[in-house]
Structure formats: structure tokens, C-alpha cells
N, C-alpha and C. Protein backbone atom coordinates (compact mmCIF):
# COMPACT_ATOMS: atom_id res chain seq x y z
N MET A 1 10.41 -26.39 -6.23
CA MET A 1 11.47 -25.96 -5.34
C MET A 1 12.02 -27.14 -4.54
N ALA A 2 11.16 -28.09 -4.24
CA ALA A 2 11.63 -29.27 -3.51
C ALA A 2 12.64 -30.06 -4.34
N THR A 3 12.49 -30.01 -5.67
CA THR A 3 13.39 -30.72 -6.56
C THR A 3 14.82 -30.21 -6.45
N VAL A 4 15.00 -28.94 -6.21
CA VAL A 4 16.34 -28.37 -6.10
C VAL A 4 16.80 -28.24 -4.65
N GLY A 5 16.05 -28.83 -3.72
CA GLY A 5 16.52 -28.93 -2.34
C GLY A 5 15.98 -27.94 -1.34
N PHE A 6 14.92 -27.25 -1.66
CA PHE A 6 14.32 -26.33 -0.69
C PHE A 6 13.48 -27.11 0.32
N SER A 7 13.62 -26.75 1.57
CA SER A 7 12.78 -27.36 2.61
C SER A 7 11.41 -26.69 2.56
N PRO A 8 10.40 -27.30 3.15
CA PRO A 8 9.08 -26.65 3.19
C PRO A 8 9.11 -25.28 3.86
N GLU A 9 9.96 -25.11 4.87
CA GLU A 9 10.07 -23.82 5.53
C GLU A 9 10.67 -22.77 4.59
N GLU A 10 11.66 -23.16 3.81
CA GLU A 10 12.27 -22.23 2.86
C GLU A 10 11.29 -21.86 1.75
N GLU A 11 10.51 -22.81 1.29
CA GLU A 11 9.48 -22.52 0.30
C GLU A 11 8.49 -21.51 0.86
N PHE A 12 8.09 -21.71 2.11
CA PHE A 12 7.14 -20.80 2.75
C PHE A 12 7.71 -19.39 2.81
N GLU A 13 9.00 -19.26 3.12
CA GLU A 13 9.64 -17.95 3.19
C GLU A 13 9.62 -17.25 1.84
N VAL A 14 9.88 -17.99 0.77
CA VAL A 14 9.84 -17.40 -0.57
C VAL A 14 8.44 -16.88 -0.87
N PHE A 15 7.43 -17.70 -0.60
CA PHE A 15 6.05 -17.28 -0.85
C PHE A 15 5.64 -16.12 0.05
N ARG A 16 6.19 -16.07 1.24
CA ARG A 16 5.89 -14.97 2.16
C ARG A 16 6.41 -13.65 1.60
N PHE A 17 7.63 -13.66 1.05
CA PHE A 17 8.18 -12.44 0.47
C PHE A 17 7.42 -12.02 -0.78
N VAL A 18 7.03 -12.98 -1.60
CA VAL A 18 6.23 -12.66 -2.79
C VAL A 18 4.91 -12.01 -2.37
N ALA A 19 4.26 -12.59 -1.36
CA ALA A 19 3.00 -12.03 -0.87
C ALA A 19 3.20 -10.62 -0.33
N ALA A 20 4.29 -10.39 0.39
CA ALA A 20 4.56 -9.05 0.93
C ALA A 20 4.72 -8.04 -0.19
N ILE A 21 5.47 -8.40 -1.24
CA ILE A 21 5.67 -7.50 -2.37
C ILE A 21 4.33 -7.17 -3.03
N LEU A 22 3.51 -8.19 -3.24
CA LEU A 22 2.21 -7.96 -3.87
C LEU A 22 1.30 -7.09 -3.01
N HIS A 23 1.32 -7.30 -1.71
CA HIS A 23 0.49 -6.49 -0.82
C HIS A 23 1.00 -5.05 -0.72
N ILE A 24 2.31 -4.85 -0.77
CA ILE A 24 2.85 -3.49 -0.74
C ILE A 24 2.32 -2.71 -1.94
N GLY A 25 2.18 -3.38 -3.08
CA GLY A 25 1.61 -2.73 -4.26
C GLY A 25 0.17 -2.32 -4.08
N ASN A 26 -0.52 -2.89 -3.10
CA ASN A 26 -1.92 -2.54 -2.83
C ASN A 26 -2.08 -1.45 -1.77
N ILE A 27 -0.98 -0.99 -1.19
CA ILE A 27 -1.07 0.08 -0.19
C ILE A 27 -1.43 1.38 -0.90
N GLU A 28 -2.50 2.00 -0.43
CA GLU A 28 -2.96 3.26 -1.03
C GLU A 28 -2.56 4.42 -0.13
N THR A 29 -1.88 5.38 -0.73
CA THR A 29 -1.51 6.58 0.01
C THR A 29 -2.30 7.76 -0.55
N LYS A 30 -2.53 8.73 0.29
CA LYS A 30 -3.21 9.96 -0.13
C LYS A 30 -2.50 11.13 0.52
N GLY A 31 -2.76 12.31 0.00
CA GLY A 31 -2.17 13.52 0.57
C GLY A 31 -3.25 14.38 1.21
N ASP A 32 -2.91 14.98 2.34
CA ASP A 32 -3.88 15.88 2.97
C ASP A 32 -3.74 17.28 2.36
N ARG A 33 -4.37 18.26 2.96
CA ARG A 33 -4.36 19.62 2.41
C ARG A 33 -2.96 20.22 2.31
N SER A 34 -2.10 19.83 3.22
CA SER A 34 -0.72 20.36 3.19
C SER A 34 0.20 19.44 2.38
N ASP A 35 -0.39 18.52 1.63
CA ASP A 35 0.33 17.57 0.76
C ASP A 35 1.19 16.59 1.56
N GLN A 36 0.87 16.41 2.83
CA GLN A 36 1.57 15.41 3.63
C GLN A 36 0.86 14.07 3.43
N ALA A 37 1.65 13.03 3.17
CA ALA A 37 1.08 11.72 2.86
C ALA A 37 0.52 11.04 4.10
N TYR A 38 -0.50 10.24 3.87
CA TYR A 38 -1.02 9.34 4.89
C TYR A 38 -1.49 8.07 4.21
N ILE A 39 -1.58 7.00 4.97
CA ILE A 39 -1.97 5.71 4.43
C ILE A 39 -3.48 5.57 4.50
N ALA A 40 -4.09 5.32 3.34
CA ALA A 40 -5.55 5.21 3.26
C ALA A 40 -6.02 3.77 3.33
N SER A 41 -5.09 2.82 3.44
CA SER A 41 -5.46 1.40 3.50
C SER A 41 -4.71 0.71 4.63
N PRO A 42 -5.06 1.01 5.88
CA PRO A 42 -4.33 0.44 7.02
C PRO A 42 -4.45 -1.09 7.12
N GLU A 43 -5.53 -1.66 6.60
CA GLU A 43 -5.68 -3.12 6.65
C GLU A 43 -4.63 -3.81 5.77
N VAL A 44 -4.25 -3.17 4.66
CA VAL A 44 -3.20 -3.74 3.80
C VAL A 44 -1.85 -3.63 4.49
N VAL A 45 -1.61 -2.50 5.14
CA VAL A 45 -0.35 -2.32 5.87
C VAL A 45 -0.23 -3.38 6.96
N GLU A 46 -1.33 -3.68 7.61
CA GLU A 46 -1.31 -4.71 8.65
C GLU A 46 -0.89 -6.06 8.08
N LYS A 47 -1.39 -6.42 6.90
CA LYS A 47 -0.99 -7.68 6.26
C LYS A 47 0.49 -7.67 5.91
N VAL A 48 0.95 -6.56 5.33
CA VAL A 48 2.36 -6.45 4.95
C VAL A 48 3.26 -6.59 6.17
N CYS A 49 2.92 -5.90 7.24
CA CYS A 49 3.73 -5.94 8.45
C CYS A 49 3.74 -7.33 9.06
N HIS A 50 2.62 -8.02 9.00
CA HIS A 50 2.57 -9.40 9.50
C HIS A 50 3.50 -10.29 8.67
N LEU A 51 3.47 -10.13 7.35
CA LEU A 51 4.32 -10.94 6.47
C LEU A 51 5.80 -10.65 6.66
N LEU A 52 6.13 -9.38 6.89
CA LEU A 52 7.54 -8.99 7.04
C LEU A 52 8.04 -9.09 8.47
N GLY A 53 7.12 -9.22 9.42
CA GLY A 53 7.52 -9.34 10.82
C GLY A 53 7.97 -8.02 11.43
N VAL A 54 7.34 -6.92 11.02
CA VAL A 54 7.65 -5.61 11.58
C VAL A 54 6.38 -5.00 12.16
N SER A 55 6.52 -4.00 13.00
CA SER A 55 5.33 -3.38 13.59
C SER A 55 4.71 -2.39 12.60
N ASN A 56 3.40 -2.25 12.71
CA ASN A 56 2.67 -1.32 11.83
C ASN A 56 3.18 0.10 12.00
N SER A 57 3.39 0.51 13.23
CA SER A 57 3.82 1.90 13.47
C SER A 57 5.22 2.16 12.91
N ASP A 58 6.13 1.22 13.08
CA ASP A 58 7.49 1.40 12.53
C ASP A 58 7.47 1.47 11.02
N PHE A 59 6.68 0.59 10.39
CA PHE A 59 6.58 0.57 8.93
C PHE A 59 6.00 1.89 8.43
N SER A 60 4.89 2.30 9.00
CA SER A 60 4.23 3.53 8.57
C SER A 60 5.14 4.74 8.77
N ARG A 61 5.81 4.79 9.91
CA ARG A 61 6.71 5.90 10.20
C ARG A 61 7.87 5.92 9.19
N ALA A 62 8.40 4.77 8.83
CA ALA A 62 9.52 4.71 7.89
C ALA A 62 9.10 5.17 6.49
N VAL A 63 7.87 4.90 6.12
CA VAL A 63 7.38 5.29 4.79
C VAL A 63 6.94 6.75 4.77
N LEU A 64 6.24 7.19 5.81
CA LEU A 64 5.62 8.51 5.80
C LEU A 64 6.47 9.60 6.44
N LYS A 65 7.22 9.28 7.48
CA LYS A 65 8.00 10.29 8.20
C LYS A 65 9.35 9.70 8.62
N PRO A 66 10.22 9.42 7.64
CA PRO A 66 11.51 8.83 8.00
C PRO A 66 12.43 9.83 8.68
N LYS A 67 13.34 9.29 9.45
CA LYS A 67 14.36 10.13 10.09
C LYS A 67 15.56 10.19 9.15
N VAL A 68 16.03 11.40 8.90
CA VAL A 68 17.18 11.60 8.02
C VAL A 68 18.22 12.44 8.74
N LYS A 69 19.46 12.26 8.34
CA LYS A 69 20.54 13.03 8.96
C LYS A 69 20.73 14.31 8.16
N ALA A 70 20.64 15.44 8.85
CA ALA A 70 20.84 16.75 8.24
C ALA A 70 21.97 17.43 8.99
N GLY A 71 23.13 17.37 8.41
CA GLY A 71 24.30 17.90 9.11
C GLY A 71 24.64 17.01 10.28
N ARG A 72 24.61 17.58 11.48
CA ARG A 72 24.90 16.80 12.68
C ARG A 72 23.63 16.31 13.37
N GLU A 73 22.49 16.77 12.90
CA GLU A 73 21.23 16.44 13.54
C GLU A 73 20.47 15.39 12.76
N ILE A 74 19.64 14.67 13.48
CA ILE A 74 18.71 13.73 12.84
C ILE A 74 17.33 14.34 12.98
N VAL A 75 16.68 14.54 11.82
CA VAL A 75 15.37 15.18 11.81
C VAL A 75 14.34 14.25 11.16
N THR A 76 13.09 14.47 11.51
CA THR A 76 12.00 13.72 10.89
C THR A 76 11.51 14.51 9.70
N GLN A 77 11.43 13.84 8.56
CA GLN A 77 11.03 14.51 7.33
C GLN A 77 9.69 13.96 6.86
N ALA A 78 8.69 14.79 6.77
CA ALA A 78 7.38 14.37 6.29
C ALA A 78 7.44 14.16 4.78
N ARG A 79 6.81 13.11 4.30
CA ARG A 79 6.79 12.79 2.87
C ARG A 79 5.49 13.24 2.22
N THR A 80 5.59 13.60 0.95
CA THR A 80 4.40 13.87 0.16
C THR A 80 3.86 12.53 -0.33
N LYS A 81 2.67 12.56 -0.93
CA LYS A 81 2.09 11.33 -1.47
C LYS A 81 3.03 10.71 -2.50
N ARG A 82 3.54 11.53 -3.38
CA ARG A 82 4.45 11.01 -4.42
C ARG A 82 5.70 10.37 -3.82
N GLN A 83 6.28 11.03 -2.83
CA GLN A 83 7.48 10.49 -2.19
C GLN A 83 7.17 9.18 -1.47
N ALA A 84 6.01 9.11 -0.82
CA ALA A 84 5.64 7.88 -0.12
C ALA A 84 5.43 6.74 -1.12
N ASP A 85 4.80 7.04 -2.26
CA ASP A 85 4.61 6.01 -3.29
C ASP A 85 5.95 5.54 -3.84
N GLU A 86 6.87 6.47 -4.05
CA GLU A 86 8.21 6.11 -4.52
C GLU A 86 8.95 5.27 -3.48
N GLU A 87 8.76 5.61 -2.22
CA GLU A 87 9.38 4.86 -1.12
C GLU A 87 8.87 3.42 -1.11
N LEU A 88 7.58 3.24 -1.29
CA LEU A 88 7.00 1.89 -1.33
C LEU A 88 7.52 1.11 -2.54
N GLY A 89 7.63 1.79 -3.68
CA GLY A 89 8.18 1.14 -4.87
C GLY A 89 9.63 0.71 -4.67
N ALA A 90 10.41 1.57 -4.05
CA ALA A 90 11.80 1.24 -3.77
C ALA A 90 11.91 0.06 -2.80
N LEU A 91 11.01 0.03 -1.82
CA LEU A 91 11.00 -1.09 -0.87
C LEU A 91 10.70 -2.41 -1.59
N CYS A 92 9.73 -2.39 -2.49
CA CYS A 92 9.40 -3.60 -3.27
C CYS A 92 10.60 -4.06 -4.08
N LYS A 93 11.25 -3.12 -4.75
CA LYS A 93 12.42 -3.47 -5.56
C LYS A 93 13.53 -4.06 -4.71
N HIS A 94 13.74 -3.49 -3.54
CA HIS A 94 14.81 -3.98 -2.66
C HIS A 94 14.50 -5.40 -2.15
N ILE A 95 13.28 -5.62 -1.70
CA ILE A 95 12.89 -6.95 -1.24
C ILE A 95 13.03 -7.96 -2.37
N TYR A 96 12.55 -7.58 -3.55
CA TYR A 96 12.63 -8.46 -4.72
C TYR A 96 14.09 -8.81 -5.04
N GLU A 97 14.93 -7.79 -5.08
CA GLU A 97 16.34 -7.99 -5.40
C GLU A 97 17.01 -8.95 -4.42
N LYS A 98 16.81 -8.72 -3.14
CA LYS A 98 17.45 -9.56 -2.12
C LYS A 98 16.89 -10.98 -2.11
N ALA A 99 15.57 -11.09 -2.16
CA ALA A 99 14.95 -12.41 -2.07
C ALA A 99 15.26 -13.26 -3.31
N PHE A 100 15.10 -12.67 -4.47
CA PHE A 100 15.26 -13.46 -5.68
C PHE A 100 16.70 -13.59 -6.12
N GLY A 101 17.56 -12.67 -5.71
CA GLY A 101 18.99 -12.86 -5.95
C GLY A 101 19.49 -14.09 -5.19
N GLY A 102 19.07 -14.20 -3.94
CA GLY A 102 19.42 -15.38 -3.14
C GLY A 102 18.79 -16.64 -3.68
N LEU A 103 17.57 -16.53 -4.17
CA LEU A 103 16.87 -17.69 -4.74
C LEU A 103 17.59 -18.20 -5.99
N VAL A 104 17.98 -17.30 -6.87
CA VAL A 104 18.69 -17.69 -8.09
C VAL A 104 20.04 -18.32 -7.75
N ASP A 105 20.77 -17.73 -6.80
CA ASP A 105 22.04 -18.32 -6.38
C ASP A 105 21.84 -19.73 -5.85
N ARG A 106 20.82 -19.89 -5.05
CA ARG A 106 20.54 -21.21 -4.46
C ARG A 106 20.20 -22.24 -5.53
N VAL A 107 19.38 -21.88 -6.49
CA VAL A 107 19.01 -22.80 -7.58
C VAL A 107 20.23 -23.11 -8.44
N ASN A 108 21.03 -22.10 -8.73
CA ASN A 108 22.24 -22.34 -9.54
C ASN A 108 23.21 -23.30 -8.84
N ARG A 109 23.37 -23.14 -7.52
CA ARG A 109 24.24 -24.06 -6.78
C ARG A 109 23.69 -25.48 -6.80
N ALA A 110 22.37 -25.59 -6.70
CA ALA A 110 21.75 -26.92 -6.70
C ALA A 110 21.89 -27.59 -8.07
N LEU A 111 21.87 -26.81 -9.13
CA LEU A 111 21.96 -27.37 -10.48
C LEU A 111 23.39 -27.58 -10.94
N ASP A 112 24.34 -26.97 -10.25
CA ASP A 112 25.75 -27.11 -10.61
C ASP A 112 26.26 -28.45 -10.13
N ARG A 113 26.56 -29.32 -11.05
CA ARG A 113 27.05 -30.66 -10.69
C ARG A 113 28.46 -30.84 -11.28
N PRO A 114 29.48 -30.66 -10.48
CA PRO A 114 30.86 -30.74 -10.97
C PRO A 114 31.20 -32.11 -11.57
N ALA A 115 30.56 -33.17 -11.10
CA ALA A 115 30.86 -34.52 -11.61
C ALA A 115 30.48 -34.64 -13.07
N LEU A 116 29.55 -33.85 -13.55
CA LEU A 116 29.11 -33.93 -14.94
C LEU A 116 29.99 -33.09 -15.86
N LYS A 117 30.88 -32.28 -15.30
CA LYS A 117 31.78 -31.43 -16.11
C LYS A 117 33.08 -32.17 -16.37
N SER A 118 33.13 -32.99 -17.34
CA SER A 118 34.37 -33.74 -17.60
C SER A 118 35.17 -33.21 -18.74
């Protein structure tokens, strides 16, 4: 990455996002008797939140009990285990798309040398 112009801080940010994606894949969710999801691996959530710079409670609430707009009201919707797992998968895909889309653009700009296009 240094060859194409990334600073050490930028390299660290890339590795931080990769680590967050990998740790999100290790988050284990379970369902209680009413099929409401809960996180069975809070230590992994703590690592993910540290890497992403968000609070544990905000992250858990967004995955397990997000607020949605229903008509004119905003309500809290409890997620099932399956929905929570899908939410985590979607989060990984979104982080991957944003981080690596920017990474590819950056590498392409670094490799684009107009002086060589004669």
C-alpha cells in the first residue's frame, strides 16, 4: 500500500475495517423463548465497537431493536435471531462495499499516469 501512496495511518484504517468485518462474522446471536434475538458473544461486540468507534449499547440496539418509521410514528422493532443475523451480514457487506470501493478508486488513481498515455 505504501507503494501506491498510502500513509501508515491510512493503511491502519484499512486493516481496522477488515478486522471489524471479520469480528462481525464472529458475533453469535441466539433467540429466547419468544424468538427475540440477543447477543451471546458480548466480548466480540466489544471488539467490533472499539474498531468502528461506536458504543456497545448503540450497536447492539441497532442490530437487535432498531427504530423504524411506521406511518407517522417511530417504533422500536424487536428482531428475531434470523433477522439479527441478516442485519449483521448486511452491515458487513456495506462496510466492505464502502471501504474497498474507496480503496480500489484510490489505487486506480495512483496507478493512472497520464504522461504514459501517448
